[in-house]
Protein backbone atom coordinates (compact mmCIF):
# COMPACT_ATOMS: atom_id res chain seq x y z
CA MET A 1 -29.64 9.07 -0.22
CA LYS A 2 -26.58 7.26 -1.59
CA PHE A 3 -23.13 8.77 -1.14
CA THR A 4 -19.91 7.61 -2.75
CA ILE A 5 -16.39 8.36 -1.59
CA GLU A 6 -13.56 8.03 -4.11
CA ILE A 7 -9.92 8.29 -3.12
CA LYS A 8 -7.61 8.86 -6.09
CA GLY A 9 -3.85 8.90 -5.86
CA PHE A 10 -0.51 7.47 -6.88
CA GLY A 11 1.14 4.63 -5.01
CA GLN A 12 2.93 1.35 -5.45
CA ARG A 13 1.97 -2.28 -5.96
CA VAL A 14 4.50 -4.43 -4.11
CA PHE A 15 4.90 -8.14 -4.91
CA TYR A 16 6.78 -10.37 -2.52
CA SER A 17 7.67 -13.97 -1.91
CA TYR A 18 9.83 -15.82 0.58
CA ILE A 19 13.30 -17.09 -0.32
CA GLU A 20 15.41 -19.39 1.83
CA LYS A 21 18.60 -17.72 3.01
CA GLU A 22 20.66 -20.61 1.64
CA VAL A 23 19.34 -19.98 -1.91
CA VAL A 24 20.44 -16.34 -1.74
CA ARG A 25 23.85 -17.30 -0.32
CA GLU A 26 24.44 -19.77 -3.17
CA ALA A 27 23.37 -17.23 -5.81
CA ARG A 28 25.73 -14.61 -4.33
CA GLU A 29 28.61 -17.07 -4.42
CA ALA A 30 27.87 -17.90 -8.08
CA ASN A 31 27.67 -14.30 -9.29
CA ARG A 32 28.24 -11.56 -6.71
CA GLU A 33 27.33 -8.63 -8.98
CA ARG A 34 24.12 -9.91 -10.56
CA TYR A 35 23.06 -12.68 -8.18
CA ILE A 36 19.46 -11.47 -7.90
CA GLU A 37 18.92 -12.25 -11.59
CA TYR A 38 19.65 -15.93 -10.92
CA ILE A 39 17.08 -16.42 -8.18
CA TYR A 40 13.80 -18.15 -8.88
CA HIS A 41 11.08 -17.07 -6.52
CA GLY A 42 7.78 -18.69 -5.65
CA VAL A 43 4.21 -17.56 -5.32
CA ASP A 44 3.79 -13.79 -5.33
CA ASN A 45 1.80 -12.17 -2.60
CA ASN A 46 1.06 -8.53 -3.21
CA LEU A 47 -0.05 -5.47 -1.38
CA HIS A 48 -1.02 -1.99 -2.41
CA SER A 49 0.68 1.03 -0.87
CA SER A 50 -1.20 4.29 -1.25
CA GLY A 51 2.08 6.17 -1.56
CA GLU A 52 4.94 6.94 0.81
CA ASP A 53 3.86 10.58 1.06
CA LEU A 54 0.16 9.83 1.59
CA LEU A 55 -0.06 11.59 4.95
CA GLU A 56 2.36 14.44 4.19
CA SER A 57 1.12 15.70 0.83
CA ASN A 58 -2.10 17.01 -0.64
CA ARG A 59 -1.87 14.69 -3.65
CA PRO A 60 -4.33 11.96 -2.67
CA VAL A 61 -7.68 13.48 -3.55
CA VAL A 62 -10.96 12.49 -1.94
CA TYR A 63 -14.14 13.01 -3.93
CA ILE A 64 -17.40 12.90 -2.03
CA ILE A 65 -20.04 12.23 -4.67
CA VAL A 66 -23.69 12.96 -3.98
CA ASN A 67 -24.71 12.51 -7.61
CA GLU A 68 -23.05 13.02 -10.99
CA LYS A 69 -23.44 16.80 -10.76
CA GLU A 70 -22.36 17.21 -7.14
CA LYS A 71 -18.76 16.24 -6.42
CA LEU A 72 -16.98 17.69 -3.41
CA ARG A 73 -13.20 17.52 -3.77
CA VAL A 74 -11.02 17.57 -0.64
CA SER A 75 -7.50 16.50 0.26
CA LEU A 76 -7.08 13.35 2.33
CA SER A 77 -5.28 15.54 4.89
CA LYS A 78 -8.62 17.30 5.57
CA ILE A 79 -10.25 14.04 6.66
CA ASN A 80 -9.80 12.38 10.05
CA CYS A 81 -7.18 9.64 9.90
CA GLU A 82 -6.50 6.84 12.39
CA VAL A 83 -2.95 5.70 11.70
CA LYS A 84 -1.58 2.43 13.10
CA SER A 85 2.10 1.60 12.73
CA TYR A 86 3.25 -2.01 12.54
CA PRO A 87 6.69 -3.57 12.11
CA ALA A 88 7.38 -4.79 8.57
CA LYS A 89 7.64 -8.39 9.79
CA LYS A 90 4.00 -8.30 10.93
CA ILE A 91 2.84 -7.05 7.52
CA PHE A 92 4.99 -9.25 5.27
CA GLN A 93 5.88 -12.46 7.07
CA PRO A 94 4.31 -12.82 10.50
CA TYR A 95 4.61 -16.63 10.62
CA VAL A 96 7.64 -17.22 8.40
CA LYS A 97 11.11 -17.78 9.86
CA ASN A 98 14.62 -18.07 8.40
CA ASN A 99 13.60 -16.59 5.06
CA LEU A 100 14.38 -13.44 3.16
CA LEU A 101 11.82 -11.35 1.32
CA TYR A 102 12.16 -11.14 -2.48
CA CYS A 103 10.36 -7.92 -3.53
CA PHE A 104 9.59 -6.08 -6.72
CA GLY A 105 6.82 -3.78 -7.83
CA TYR A 106 5.67 -0.88 -9.90
CA ASN A 107 4.16 2.54 -9.45
CA GLU A 108 0.41 2.73 -9.95
CA GLU A 109 -2.47 5.15 -10.09
CA TYR A 110 -5.38 3.95 -7.96
CA ILE A 111 -9.01 4.64 -7.10
CA HIS A 112 -10.62 3.33 -3.91
CA THR A 113 -14.44 3.57 -4.05
CA TYR A 114 -16.69 3.30 -0.99
CA SER A 115 -20.44 3.84 -0.78
CA PHE A 116 -23.11 4.13 1.88
CA SER A 117 -26.73 5.22 1.98
CA ASP A 118 -27.99 5.39 5.55
CA VAL A 119 -27.65 9.18 6.02
CA GLU A 120 -29.60 12.15 4.66
CA GLU A 121 -26.68 14.56 4.36
CA ILE A 122 -22.96 14.09 4.64
CA ASP A 123 -20.69 15.67 7.26
CA ILE A 124 -16.98 15.63 6.33
CA ASP A 125 -16.01 15.67 10.02
CA LYS A 126 -17.63 12.24 10.45
CA ILE A 127 -15.47 10.60 7.76
CA THR A 128 -12.43 8.69 9.05
CA ALA A 129 -9.75 6.83 7.11
CA ARG A 130 -8.11 3.88 8.89
CA ILE A 131 -4.53 3.71 7.68
CA VAL A 132 -1.81 1.13 8.33
CA GLU A 133 1.82 2.11 7.87
CA THR A 134 5.09 0.25 8.14
CA GLU A 135 8.72 1.26 7.72
CA ILE A 136 10.61 -0.84 5.17
CA PRO A 137 14.14 -1.88 6.19
CA LYS A 138 17.10 -1.48 3.85
CA THR A 139 17.92 -4.25 1.40
CA ILE A 140 20.57 -6.86 2.22
CA GLU A 141 22.99 -4.64 0.22
CA ASN A 142 22.18 -1.84 2.71
CA ASN A 143 20.31 0.24 0.09
CA VAL A 144 17.04 2.09 0.63
CA TRP A 145 14.36 0.59 -1.63
CA MET A 146 11.14 2.06 -0.26
CA GLN A 147 10.92 3.89 3.02
CA LYS A 148 7.31 3.18 3.93
CA ILE A 149 4.25 1.23 2.94
CA ILE A 150 1.05 3.08 3.76
CA HIS A 151 -2.24 1.29 3.15
CA ILE A 152 -5.82 2.57 3.47
CA GLU A 153 -7.34 -0.28 5.45
CA SER A 154 -10.93 0.99 5.64
CA MET A 155 -13.17 4.06 5.69
CA LEU A 156 -15.65 4.90 8.42
CA TYR A 157 -18.59 7.27 8.62
CA ASP A 158 -19.69 8.24 12.13
CA GLY A 159 -17.81 5.24 13.54
CA LYS A 160 -19.36 2.66 11.18
CA GLU A 161 -17.36 0.98 8.44
CA ILE A 162 -18.28 2.00 4.90
CA LYS A 163 -18.55 -0.78 2.31
CA ARG A 164 -15.75 -0.83 -0.26
CA GLU A 165 -17.32 -1.00 -3.71
CA GLU A 166 -14.18 -1.47 -5.76
CA PHE A 167 -10.47 -0.89 -6.04
CA LEU A 168 -9.06 0.08 -9.43
CA SER A 169 -5.39 0.24 -10.34
CA ARG A 170 -3.48 1.34 -13.42
CA PRO A 171 0.25 0.55 -13.67
CA MET A 172 2.59 3.45 -14.36
CA GLY A 173 5.86 3.08 -16.25
CA THR A 174 8.29 2.71 -13.35
CA ASN A 175 9.36 -0.73 -12.15
CA LEU A 176 10.74 -1.14 -8.63
CA GLY A 177 13.29 -3.80 -7.78
CA PRO A 178 13.81 -6.69 -7.56
CA VAL A 179 15.45 -6.49 -4.13
CA ILE A 180 16.00 -8.80 -1.19
CA ILE A 181 15.16 -7.68 2.33
CA ASP A 182 15.90 -9.38 5.64
CA LEU A 183 13.10 -8.71 8.12
CA GLU A 184 14.60 -10.71 11.00
């Protein structure tokens, strides 16, 4: 029998690129108040955060779908979670030195979909979400931008990884940033 797990929630899409410290210094000298508007940044990397309150709220909803008529709705907090914390440098720039992080993003609504078919009936206690979290440092202006990035890395059933079918995202109206963060 085929089972599908859908996780629906609200989070953030964070885009980032690396900027040399000298470029930021020159932009600040040219226009102290609005220097960030004068910075050109390079290739955007991006990551999805499932929401800063993912582990503290009941908002992320998990649907366990047996078929179109049978949908079991539970909160993510009712499912086993393995949470690993990493420093922000390991997530954003593990091999980059002497650079600042140029970040911006937007709020998004998301759906993670996983499916598996090698069981006859589903046991909620055997579902585990592997989650990676990292604290985000303050910006170079000493302002809080985002406090945490929390990412659902994978889903497991009875210790075996479940195949991710798709990830869907819909941007919401709020833009975040741009900001500059020093991870060193």
